[in-house]
Amino acid sequence: MDKIIQFGVFLFLTLLVAFLTWRKCAQSPSRGESSKDYFLANGGLSWVFIAGSITLTNLSTDQLVGMNGNQMALLALWELSAVVGLFILAKVFVPIYYKYKCTTTTELLEKRYNNHHIRATVGTLFLLGNVFIYLPAMLYSGSLFMQSMFQVELGIMPLSIMFALVGAAYSIFGGLRAVAVSDTYSGIGLLAMGMLVVFLSLKAIGFDFSGIPAERLTLIGDDNSPIPWHTLLTGMLFIQIFYWSTNQTITQRAMAAPTIKEAQRGVLTAAVIRLCIVPAMVVIPGIAAYKLYGQLGDATYGHLVGELMPHWMSGAFAAVMAAAVLTSFNSVLNSSAALYVCDIHEKYFNSTPDIKKLSTTVSLTFVAIALVLVPVYSGAESIINLLQQLNGLLSMPILSAFITGLIFRGVDARSVILSVVFGTLLYAFFTFGWAPFHYIHMMFITLLSCVAFALFVNRFVFKKSAQFVLKKGAGDIATA
């Protein structure tokens, strides 16, 4: 009977979100016939749905499972520094994207450099990261959580297939509008349940952190910790700028508002949520679990919830966690389709494709690739640390293209394309060959090296002189 109640609650809440999403989307007269409608909801997202979608797109099982799996407070620094990244998105990048009427973040590069090849190059790198890193990691972490919490007999792959198919359905049939709406409705439940887990975990240890090693409670990491304190002064800020301000999956929501003010309001609301709620959700349960059970790794969150959550509520928690996986997965999938369609297909193959048909085809292809790669992530010691390290292969080279294009004029696009390739190879060498410093420091070094390389090649190979145009405000940059 308990299993029937669990499944009944799970099914009811899952179908309720789907119904509310369908009802909200059905009120729109748009049919997804253009890139702007399908990928930017025809500029019709209100600040509520922008904030909700940004929050839940980032907050998924790879965050809850991975960060709590480290079982230390230090990982909260990722979320606290993210507030800075969101503020920069709202105040600096949003006005620029709206100035240039961008559908994808990479369209900004095309217009700044007056070259569509740089757009396609960076769009391809984003696609590689989404398809080979983020999508399979989301499927794996979500399936691992369900497996460890409910002790289901299904393996990781069958669970991953189910998540992939349902998540793809939202992205394919509803476009960004359905993704953002479902994110917001699901996010309300996830934040509520997440804070309930925080309370239950604190109650389980009697609100007493005594006996827990000091290194698991500090926010000042030493040289051997996952986030040494000095990395906050170098690469951490630029990691956040890349993720929140140039990453298509996030900024696509901010570019889908009717006005700049509406977009900024949504982004800043997401920043407040990130500051006040999320840090506790991603570290306190893991720390409490360390005191209760010892070191459990990435199985920590699922095990803790399975032990502490009232049995009658487990179906509801399963529903919101499944929603977290689905919404993050469908968000990345939708942005990946946008990158391929707008940055590559329309530029090189067909300028007026059937958006829905093409998006469906490429989305299903990306899903198949992600599923094949799920087993690769099962051997990771820490899923969140692995993701952050692999992210450096793409993030800093890509960010260097944006920085060079925004603060310099007269840079040949070919020099930037070469610098992006150079940066990817350089960071791969740092990761798999020689790493004299922490990987976050190496990301910062990679960024500086990419910008310097682009300017050097521009001057001595293409015989062009770059002009520094950075001024006080985003509006000045946009018109430079």
Protein backbone atom coordinates (compact mmCIF):
# COMPACT_ATOMS: atom_id res chain seq x y z
CA MET A 1 0.00 0.00 0.00
CA ASP A 2 2.85 2.41 0.83
CA LYS A 3 4.39 1.87 -2.60
CA ILE A 4 1.04 2.54 -4.25
CA ILE A 5 0.64 5.80 -2.30
CA GLN A 6 4.18 6.86 -3.18
CA PHE A 7 3.65 6.21 -6.87
CA GLY A 8 0.21 7.83 -6.83
CA VAL A 9 1.54 11.07 -5.31
CA PHE A 10 4.49 11.04 -7.71
CA LEU A 11 2.27 10.52 -10.75
CA PHE A 12 -0.29 13.14 -9.65
CA LEU A 13 2.28 15.90 -9.12
CA THR A 14 4.15 15.06 -12.32
CA LEU A 15 0.95 15.17 -14.38
CA LEU A 16 -0.16 18.36 -12.59
CA VAL A 17 3.00 20.19 -13.69
CA ALA A 18 2.52 18.90 -17.23
CA PHE A 19 -1.13 20.05 -17.26
CA LEU A 20 -0.37 23.51 -15.85
CA THR A 21 2.45 23.91 -18.38
CA TRP A 22 0.19 22.89 -21.28
CA ARG A 23 -2.54 25.23 -20.09
CA LYS A 24 -0.18 28.20 -19.79
CA CYS A 25 1.42 27.56 -23.18
CA ALA A 26 -1.94 27.05 -24.86
CA GLN A 27 -2.85 30.67 -24.04
CA SER A 28 -0.18 31.83 -26.48
CA PRO A 29 -1.19 32.26 -30.13
CA SER A 30 2.36 31.47 -31.27
CA ARG A 31 3.02 28.15 -32.92
CA GLY A 32 6.80 27.90 -32.90
CA GLU A 33 7.16 28.68 -36.59
CA SER A 34 10.19 30.98 -36.21
CA SER A 35 13.48 30.79 -34.35
CA LYS A 36 12.48 33.67 -32.08
CA ASP A 37 9.23 32.03 -31.07
CA TYR A 38 10.59 28.53 -30.62
CA PHE A 39 13.85 29.45 -28.89
CA LEU A 40 12.91 32.79 -27.24
CA ALA A 41 9.18 32.25 -26.57
CA ASN A 42 8.52 35.12 -28.99
CA GLY A 43 9.88 37.54 -26.37
CA GLY A 44 6.98 36.80 -24.08
CA LEU A 45 8.50 35.51 -20.82
CA SER A 46 7.64 37.55 -17.73
CA TRP A 47 10.19 38.12 -14.95
CA VAL A 48 8.56 35.38 -12.86
CA PHE A 49 9.21 32.68 -15.44
CA ILE A 50 12.70 34.02 -16.19
CA ALA A 51 13.64 33.83 -12.51
CA GLY A 52 12.02 30.42 -12.08
CA SER A 53 13.61 28.93 -15.17
CA ILE A 54 17.10 30.27 -14.43
CA THR A 55 16.89 28.93 -10.88
CA LEU A 56 15.75 25.42 -11.75
CA THR A 57 17.85 25.10 -14.91
CA ASN A 58 20.93 25.38 -12.71
CA LEU A 59 19.58 23.65 -9.61
CA SER A 60 19.31 20.00 -10.51
CA THR A 61 20.53 16.69 -9.16
CA ASP A 62 24.08 17.33 -10.36
CA GLN A 63 24.08 20.27 -7.89
CA LEU A 64 22.12 18.67 -5.04
CA VAL A 65 23.78 15.28 -5.41
CA GLY A 66 27.24 16.49 -6.36
CA MET A 67 27.66 19.35 -3.89
CA ASN A 68 26.14 17.50 -0.94
CA GLY A 69 28.32 14.56 -1.95
CA ASN A 70 31.39 16.57 -0.98
CA GLN A 71 29.90 16.89 2.52
CA MET A 72 31.53 20.24 3.30
CA ALA A 73 30.39 23.86 3.58
CA LEU A 74 33.08 25.04 1.18
CA LEU A 75 31.01 24.07 -1.87
CA ALA A 76 28.55 26.85 -1.01
CA LEU A 77 31.11 29.25 -2.49
CA TRP A 78 30.01 28.15 -5.97
CA GLU A 79 26.50 29.39 -5.21
CA LEU A 80 27.53 32.56 -3.38
CA SER A 81 29.86 33.62 -6.18
CA ALA A 82 27.09 32.85 -8.67
CA VAL A 83 25.24 35.89 -7.29
CA VAL A 84 28.01 38.06 -8.72
CA GLY A 85 27.69 36.32 -12.07
CA LEU A 86 23.93 36.94 -12.17
CA PHE A 87 24.40 40.60 -11.29
CA ILE A 88 26.89 41.00 -14.16
CA LEU A 89 24.41 39.29 -16.50
CA ALA A 90 21.64 41.70 -15.48
CA LYS A 91 23.61 44.92 -15.55
CA VAL A 92 26.22 44.34 -18.25
CA PHE A 93 25.28 41.58 -20.68
CA VAL A 94 21.47 41.82 -20.87
CA PRO A 95 21.55 45.39 -22.28
CA ILE A 96 24.12 44.29 -24.86
CA TYR A 97 22.15 41.23 -25.99
CA TYR A 98 19.01 43.33 -26.39
CA LYS A 99 20.95 46.05 -28.20
CA TYR A 100 22.03 43.53 -30.83
CA LYS A 101 18.68 41.63 -30.82
CA CYS A 102 20.41 38.30 -30.23
CA THR A 103 18.71 34.91 -30.43
CA THR A 104 21.82 33.10 -29.21
CA THR A 105 24.70 34.46 -27.16
CA THR A 106 27.05 33.59 -29.99
CA GLU A 107 25.13 35.93 -32.32
CA LEU A 108 26.74 38.74 -30.34
CA LEU A 109 30.14 37.49 -31.50
CA GLU A 110 29.04 37.48 -35.13
CA LYS A 111 27.91 41.09 -34.88
CA ARG A 112 30.91 42.32 -32.93
CA TYR A 113 33.43 40.69 -35.26
CA ASN A 114 31.25 40.93 -38.40
CA ASN A 115 32.01 37.27 -39.11
CA HIS A 116 29.68 34.27 -38.86
CA HIS A 117 32.55 31.75 -38.62
CA ILE A 118 33.43 32.88 -35.10
CA ARG A 119 29.80 32.41 -34.14
CA ALA A 120 29.79 28.87 -35.52
CA THR A 121 33.10 28.01 -33.86
CA VAL A 122 32.01 29.07 -30.39
CA GLY A 123 28.52 27.62 -30.92
CA THR A 124 30.14 24.28 -31.73
CA LEU A 125 32.18 24.40 -28.52
CA PHE A 126 29.02 25.10 -26.53
CA LEU A 127 27.37 22.14 -28.24
CA LEU A 128 30.29 19.85 -27.42
CA GLY A 129 30.06 20.83 -23.76
CA ASN A 130 26.29 20.38 -23.63
CA VAL A 131 26.14 17.06 -25.44
CA PHE A 132 29.28 15.38 -24.10
CA ILE A 133 29.40 16.81 -20.55
CA TYR A 134 26.17 18.31 -19.21
CA LEU A 135 23.42 16.16 -20.71
CA PRO A 136 24.91 12.76 -19.77
CA ALA A 137 25.97 14.04 -16.33
CA MET A 138 22.42 15.22 -15.61
CA LEU A 139 20.95 11.88 -16.63
CA TYR A 140 23.48 9.98 -14.54
CA SER A 141 23.15 12.07 -11.37
CA GLY A 142 19.35 12.08 -11.56
CA SER A 143 19.19 8.32 -12.03
CA LEU A 144 21.70 7.76 -9.22
CA PHE A 145 19.58 9.84 -6.85
CA MET A 146 16.38 7.94 -7.63
CA GLN A 147 18.21 4.65 -7.29
CA SER A 148 19.87 5.47 -3.95
CA MET A 149 16.81 7.10 -2.40
CA PHE A 150 14.16 4.55 -3.30
CA GLN A 151 16.33 1.45 -3.68
CA VAL A 152 14.66 0.67 -6.99
CA GLU A 153 15.69 -2.42 -8.90
CA LEU A 154 16.02 -0.55 -12.19
CA GLY A 155 19.58 0.21 -13.26
CA ILE A 156 21.07 3.59 -14.13
CA MET A 157 20.50 3.21 -17.88
CA PRO A 158 16.75 2.41 -17.80
CA LEU A 159 16.17 5.35 -15.47
CA SER A 160 18.29 7.60 -17.70
CA ILE A 161 16.29 6.58 -20.76
CA MET A 162 13.03 7.50 -19.03
CA PHE A 163 14.36 10.90 -17.96
CA ALA A 164 15.73 11.57 -21.45
CA LEU A 165 12.50 10.75 -23.27
CA VAL A 166 10.25 12.84 -21.02
CA GLY A 167 12.68 15.76 -20.92
CA ALA A 168 13.01 15.71 -24.69
CA ALA A 169 9.24 15.80 -25.07
CA TYR A 170 9.02 19.15 -23.24
CA SER A 171 11.81 20.65 -25.32
CA ILE A 172 10.66 19.32 -28.69
CA PHE A 173 6.93 19.91 -28.48
CA GLY A 174 6.85 23.14 -26.48
CA GLY A 175 10.09 24.99 -27.16
CA LEU A 176 11.49 27.46 -24.63
CA ARG A 177 8.03 28.55 -23.47
CA ALA A 178 7.13 25.07 -22.21
CA VAL A 179 10.60 24.61 -20.72
CA ALA A 180 10.48 27.89 -18.78
CA VAL A 181 6.93 27.42 -17.53
CA SER A 182 7.55 23.84 -16.36
CA ASP A 183 10.79 25.00 -14.72
CA THR A 184 8.94 27.61 -12.68
CA TYR A 185 6.09 25.39 -11.51
CA SER A 186 8.51 22.60 -10.62
CA GLY A 187 10.89 25.06 -8.95
CA ILE A 188 8.34 26.06 -6.34
CA GLY A 189 8.07 22.46 -5.21
CA LEU A 190 11.79 21.81 -5.36
CA LEU A 191 12.73 24.83 -3.24
CA ALA A 192 10.09 23.93 -0.66
CA MET A 193 11.14 20.29 -0.48
CA GLY A 194 14.82 21.20 -0.51
CA MET A 195 14.44 23.45 2.50
CA LEU A 196 12.43 20.74 4.24
CA VAL A 197 15.40 18.39 3.79
CA VAL A 198 17.65 21.08 5.29
CA PHE A 199 15.39 21.29 8.35
CA LEU A 200 15.10 17.52 8.73
CA SER A 201 18.85 17.04 8.46
CA LEU A 202 19.50 19.73 11.09
CA LYS A 203 16.86 18.18 13.35
CA ALA A 204 18.48 14.75 12.94
CA ILE A 205 21.77 16.06 14.38
CA GLY A 206 19.99 18.10 17.05
CA PHE A 207 21.06 21.36 15.38
CA ASP A 208 24.51 20.54 16.73
CA PHE A 209 27.57 20.55 14.46
CA SER A 210 29.98 19.46 17.20
CA GLY A 211 32.12 16.48 16.29
CA ILE A 212 32.28 17.43 12.62
CA PRO A 213 35.85 18.17 11.45
CA ALA A 214 36.56 21.90 11.15
CA GLU A 215 37.64 21.57 7.51
CA ARG A 216 34.09 20.46 6.65
CA LEU A 217 32.54 23.56 8.22
CA THR A 218 34.84 26.31 7.02
CA LEU A 219 34.34 28.61 4.05
CA ILE A 220 38.06 29.30 3.82
CA GLY A 221 39.63 26.44 1.94
CA ASP A 222 43.31 25.52 2.25
CA ASP A 223 45.55 24.47 -0.64
CA ASN A 224 44.32 20.87 -0.53
CA SER A 225 40.60 21.68 -0.51
CA PRO A 226 38.28 21.61 -3.56
CA ILE A 227 38.17 25.45 -3.52
CA PRO A 228 41.33 27.04 -2.05
CA TRP A 229 40.55 30.55 -0.81
CA HIS A 230 42.93 32.21 -3.27
CA THR A 231 41.04 30.83 -6.29
CA LEU A 232 38.28 33.30 -5.41
CA LEU A 233 40.71 36.04 -6.49
CA THR A 234 41.48 34.57 -9.91
CA GLY A 235 39.42 32.10 -11.92
CA MET A 236 36.26 31.83 -9.83
CA LEU A 237 34.82 35.19 -10.95
CA PHE A 238 35.39 34.41 -14.62
CA ILE A 239 33.87 30.95 -14.28
CA GLN A 240 30.71 32.64 -13.01
CA ILE A 241 30.75 35.27 -15.78
CA PHE A 242 31.03 32.52 -18.38
CA TYR A 243 28.26 30.39 -16.93
CA TRP A 244 25.71 33.08 -16.11
CA SER A 245 26.44 35.69 -18.79
CA THR A 246 27.52 33.84 -21.93
CA ASN A 247 26.18 30.31 -21.54
CA GLN A 248 23.23 29.89 -23.93
CA THR A 249 21.30 27.64 -21.54
CA ILE A 250 21.06 30.40 -18.93
CA THR A 251 21.02 33.59 -20.95
CA GLN A 252 18.43 32.25 -23.38
CA ARG A 253 15.84 32.87 -20.66
CA ALA A 254 17.04 36.42 -20.05
CA MET A 255 16.84 37.16 -23.78
CA ALA A 256 13.21 36.02 -23.95
CA ALA A 257 11.58 38.91 -22.07
CA PRO A 258 9.53 41.67 -23.74
CA THR A 259 11.84 44.41 -22.37
CA ILE A 260 15.29 44.83 -20.88
CA LYS A 261 13.77 45.88 -17.53
CA GLU A 262 11.64 42.74 -17.38
CA ALA A 263 14.68 40.58 -18.14
CA GLN A 264 16.79 42.31 -15.49
CA ARG A 265 14.04 41.95 -12.90
CA GLY A 266 13.90 38.21 -13.54
CA VAL A 267 17.68 37.78 -13.37
CA LEU A 268 18.01 39.78 -10.15
CA THR A 269 15.17 37.80 -8.56
CA ALA A 270 17.07 34.62 -9.43
CA ALA A 271 20.13 36.16 -7.75
CA VAL A 272 18.17 36.76 -4.53
CA ILE A 273 16.97 33.14 -4.53
CA ARG A 274 20.53 32.00 -5.15
CA LEU A 275 21.81 34.04 -2.22
CA CYS A 276 19.13 33.31 0.37
CA ILE A 277 18.02 29.74 -0.29
CA VAL A 278 20.29 27.66 -2.49
CA PRO A 279 23.57 27.60 -0.47
CA ALA A 280 21.87 25.90 2.48
CA MET A 281 20.26 23.30 0.19
CA VAL A 282 23.53 22.20 -1.39
CA VAL A 283 25.76 21.83 1.69
CA ILE A 284 23.86 21.44 4.99
CA PRO A 285 22.29 18.03 4.24
CA GLY A 286 25.70 16.68 3.20
CA ILE A 287 27.40 17.95 6.35
CA ALA A 288 24.65 16.51 8.54
CA ALA A 289 24.93 13.18 6.71
CA TYR A 290 28.65 13.10 7.47
CA LYS A 291 27.90 13.29 11.19
CA LEU A 292 25.14 10.69 10.92
CA TYR A 293 26.62 8.15 8.50
CA GLY A 294 30.20 9.13 7.66
CA GLN A 295 31.50 9.73 4.17
CA LEU A 296 29.10 8.52 1.47
CA GLY A 297 30.18 10.46 -1.63
CA ASP A 298 27.63 11.13 -4.35
CA ALA A 299 25.15 8.72 -2.73
CA THR A 300 24.88 11.07 0.29
CA TYR A 301 21.80 13.10 -0.67
CA GLY A 302 19.67 10.21 -1.81
CA HIS A 303 20.54 8.13 1.26
CA LEU A 304 19.82 10.99 3.67
CA VAL A 305 16.47 11.82 2.11
CA GLY A 306 15.48 8.16 2.08
CA GLU A 307 16.24 7.91 5.79
CA LEU A 308 14.75 11.21 7.02
CA MET A 309 11.87 12.07 4.71
CA PRO A 310 8.48 10.99 6.12
CA HIS A 311 7.40 7.95 4.13
CA TRP A 312 4.12 9.50 3.06
CA MET A 313 6.01 12.44 1.53
CA SER A 314 8.56 10.45 -0.45
CA GLY A 315 6.36 10.36 -3.54
CA ALA A 316 6.13 14.15 -3.56
CA PHE A 317 9.88 14.48 -3.13
CA ALA A 318 10.48 12.02 -5.96
CA ALA A 319 8.23 14.16 -8.17
CA VAL A 320 10.12 17.40 -7.53
CA MET A 321 13.49 15.73 -7.91
CA ALA A 322 12.39 14.13 -11.16
CA ALA A 323 11.20 17.57 -12.24
CA ALA A 324 14.62 19.02 -11.41
CA VAL A 325 16.29 16.48 -13.67
CA LEU A 326 13.77 16.97 -16.45
CA THR A 327 13.83 20.75 -16.42
CA SER A 328 17.62 21.01 -16.41
CA PHE A 329 17.86 18.36 -19.12
CA ASN A 330 15.23 19.92 -21.36
CA SER A 331 16.73 23.39 -20.86
CA VAL A 332 20.17 22.28 -22.02
CA LEU A 333 18.60 20.29 -24.86
CA ASN A 334 16.55 23.27 -26.06
CA SER A 335 19.55 25.61 -25.97
CA SER A 336 21.64 23.01 -27.82
CA ALA A 337 19.04 22.83 -30.57
CA ALA A 338 19.04 26.64 -30.75
CA LEU A 339 22.81 26.72 -31.14
CA TYR A 340 22.80 24.17 -33.94
CA VAL A 341 19.84 25.60 -35.83
CA CYS A 342 20.77 29.29 -35.55
CA ASP A 343 24.57 29.16 -35.49
CA ILE A 344 25.32 26.31 -37.85
CA HIS A 345 22.41 25.05 -39.95
CA GLU A 346 20.96 28.42 -40.94
CA LYS A 347 24.45 29.78 -41.69
CA TYR A 348 25.84 26.90 -43.74
CA PHE A 349 23.01 24.62 -44.93
CA ASN A 350 19.58 26.25 -45.14
CA SER A 351 18.68 29.78 -44.07
CA THR A 352 14.95 29.01 -43.84
CA PRO A 353 14.53 25.51 -42.38
CA ASP A 354 11.43 24.00 -40.80
CA ILE A 355 12.38 24.97 -37.25
CA LYS A 356 10.33 22.38 -35.40
CA LYS A 357 11.25 19.48 -37.69
CA LEU A 358 14.95 20.32 -37.65
CA SER A 359 14.97 20.95 -33.91
CA THR A 360 13.28 17.61 -33.30
CA THR A 361 15.83 15.75 -35.39
CA VAL A 362 18.90 17.30 -33.76
CA SER A 363 17.40 17.03 -30.27
CA LEU A 364 16.84 13.30 -30.63
CA THR A 365 20.39 12.93 -31.93
CA PHE A 366 21.77 14.78 -28.90
CA VAL A 367 19.66 12.61 -26.58
CA ALA A 368 21.04 9.43 -28.13
CA ILE A 369 24.64 10.64 -27.70
CA ALA A 370 24.01 11.65 -24.09
CA LEU A 371 22.58 8.23 -23.24
CA VAL A 372 25.58 6.46 -24.73
CA LEU A 373 27.87 8.55 -22.50
CA VAL A 374 25.99 8.02 -19.20
CA PRO A 375 28.20 5.05 -18.13
CA VAL A 376 31.31 7.22 -18.50
CA TYR A 377 30.24 9.35 -15.52
CA SER A 378 29.46 6.41 -13.25
CA GLY A 379 33.14 6.05 -12.39
CA ALA A 380 33.60 9.63 -11.23
CA GLU A 381 34.81 10.08 -7.64
CA SER A 382 32.86 13.37 -7.42
CA ILE A 383 30.46 14.33 -10.19
CA ILE A 384 30.44 18.06 -9.38
CA ASN A 385 34.25 18.38 -9.19
CA LEU A 386 34.60 16.45 -12.46
CA LEU A 387 32.08 18.74 -14.18
CA GLN A 388 33.81 21.90 -13.02
CA GLN A 389 37.20 20.64 -14.18
CA LEU A 390 36.00 19.46 -17.60
CA ASN A 391 34.13 22.73 -18.02
CA GLY A 392 37.45 24.54 -18.22
CA LEU A 393 38.21 22.92 -21.57
CA LEU A 394 35.55 25.13 -23.13
CA SER A 395 34.61 27.90 -20.71
CA MET A 396 37.71 30.08 -20.66
CA PRO A 397 38.46 29.88 -24.42
CA ILE A 398 34.83 30.81 -25.12
CA LEU A 399 34.80 33.63 -22.56
CA SER A 400 37.99 35.03 -24.06
CA ALA A 401 36.19 35.48 -27.39
CA PHE A 402 33.46 37.54 -25.69
CA ILE A 403 35.92 39.61 -23.66
CA THR A 404 38.14 40.35 -26.66
CA GLY A 405 35.15 41.28 -28.79
CA LEU A 406 33.61 43.56 -26.18
CA ILE A 407 36.64 45.50 -25.01
CA PHE A 408 38.60 45.70 -28.27
CA ARG A 409 37.77 46.90 -31.75
CA GLY A 410 39.69 46.03 -34.90
CA VAL A 411 40.39 42.39 -33.99
CA ASP A 412 40.27 39.97 -36.91
CA ALA A 413 37.84 37.12 -36.24
CA ARG A 414 40.39 34.61 -37.50
CA SER A 415 42.77 35.52 -34.69
CA VAL A 416 40.04 34.88 -32.14
CA ILE A 417 39.11 31.54 -33.70
CA LEU A 418 42.76 30.51 -33.47
CA SER A 419 42.92 31.71 -29.86
CA VAL A 420 39.87 29.63 -28.93
CA VAL A 421 41.48 26.51 -30.40
CA PHE A 422 44.75 27.41 -28.68
CA GLY A 423 43.00 27.87 -25.33
CA THR A 424 41.21 24.53 -25.53
CA LEU A 425 44.48 22.72 -26.24
CA LEU A 426 46.29 24.68 -23.53
CA TYR A 427 43.77 23.80 -20.85
CA ALA A 428 43.73 20.18 -21.99
CA PHE A 429 47.49 20.16 -21.45
CA PHE A 430 47.01 21.67 -17.97
CA THR A 431 44.33 19.10 -17.14
CA PHE A 432 45.89 15.92 -18.50
CA GLY A 433 49.57 16.84 -18.57
CA TRP A 434 51.14 19.51 -16.38
CA ALA A 435 49.16 21.35 -13.69
CA PRO A 436 51.42 23.43 -11.42
CA PHE A 437 48.46 25.18 -9.77
CA HIS A 438 44.84 24.46 -8.84
CA TYR A 439 42.60 24.00 -11.87
CA ILE A 440 40.68 27.23 -11.11
CA HIS A 441 43.97 29.15 -11.28
CA MET A 442 44.77 27.34 -14.52
CA MET A 443 41.44 28.49 -15.93
CA PHE A 444 42.39 32.09 -15.20
CA ILE A 445 45.80 31.60 -16.83
CA THR A 446 44.07 30.05 -19.85
CA LEU A 447 41.76 33.05 -20.16
CA LEU A 448 44.59 35.59 -20.08
CA SER A 449 46.62 33.48 -22.49
CA CYS A 450 43.75 33.32 -24.98
CA VAL A 451 43.22 37.09 -25.03
CA ALA A 452 46.97 37.71 -25.35
CA PHE A 453 47.26 35.11 -28.12
CA ALA A 454 44.39 36.68 -30.08
CA LEU A 455 45.91 40.16 -29.86
CA PHE A 456 49.37 38.86 -30.79
CA VAL A 457 48.12 36.97 -33.86
CA ASN A 458 45.93 39.92 -34.84
CA ARG A 459 48.91 42.27 -34.77
CA PHE A 460 51.75 40.16 -36.16
CA VAL A 461 49.95 37.67 -38.44
CA PHE A 462 46.98 39.63 -39.77
CA LYS A 463 48.72 43.02 -39.45
CA LYS A 464 45.79 44.70 -37.70
CA SER A 465 45.84 47.03 -34.72
CA ALA A 466 43.33 46.46 -31.91
CA GLN A 467 41.83 49.46 -30.16
CA PHE A 468 40.77 49.38 -26.51
CA VAL A 469 37.14 50.54 -26.31
CA LEU A 470 36.01 49.56 -22.81
CA LYS A 471 34.23 52.47 -21.18
CA LYS A 472 32.15 52.97 -18.08
CA GLY A 473 28.83 51.42 -19.03
CA ALA A 474 27.37 48.52 -20.94
CA GLY A 475 25.64 50.96 -23.25
CA ASP A 476 28.99 52.39 -24.30
CA ILE A 477 30.33 48.91 -25.02
CA ALA A 478 27.27 48.02 -27.05
CA THR A 479 27.67 51.01 -29.34
CA ALA A 480 31.46 50.80 -29.70
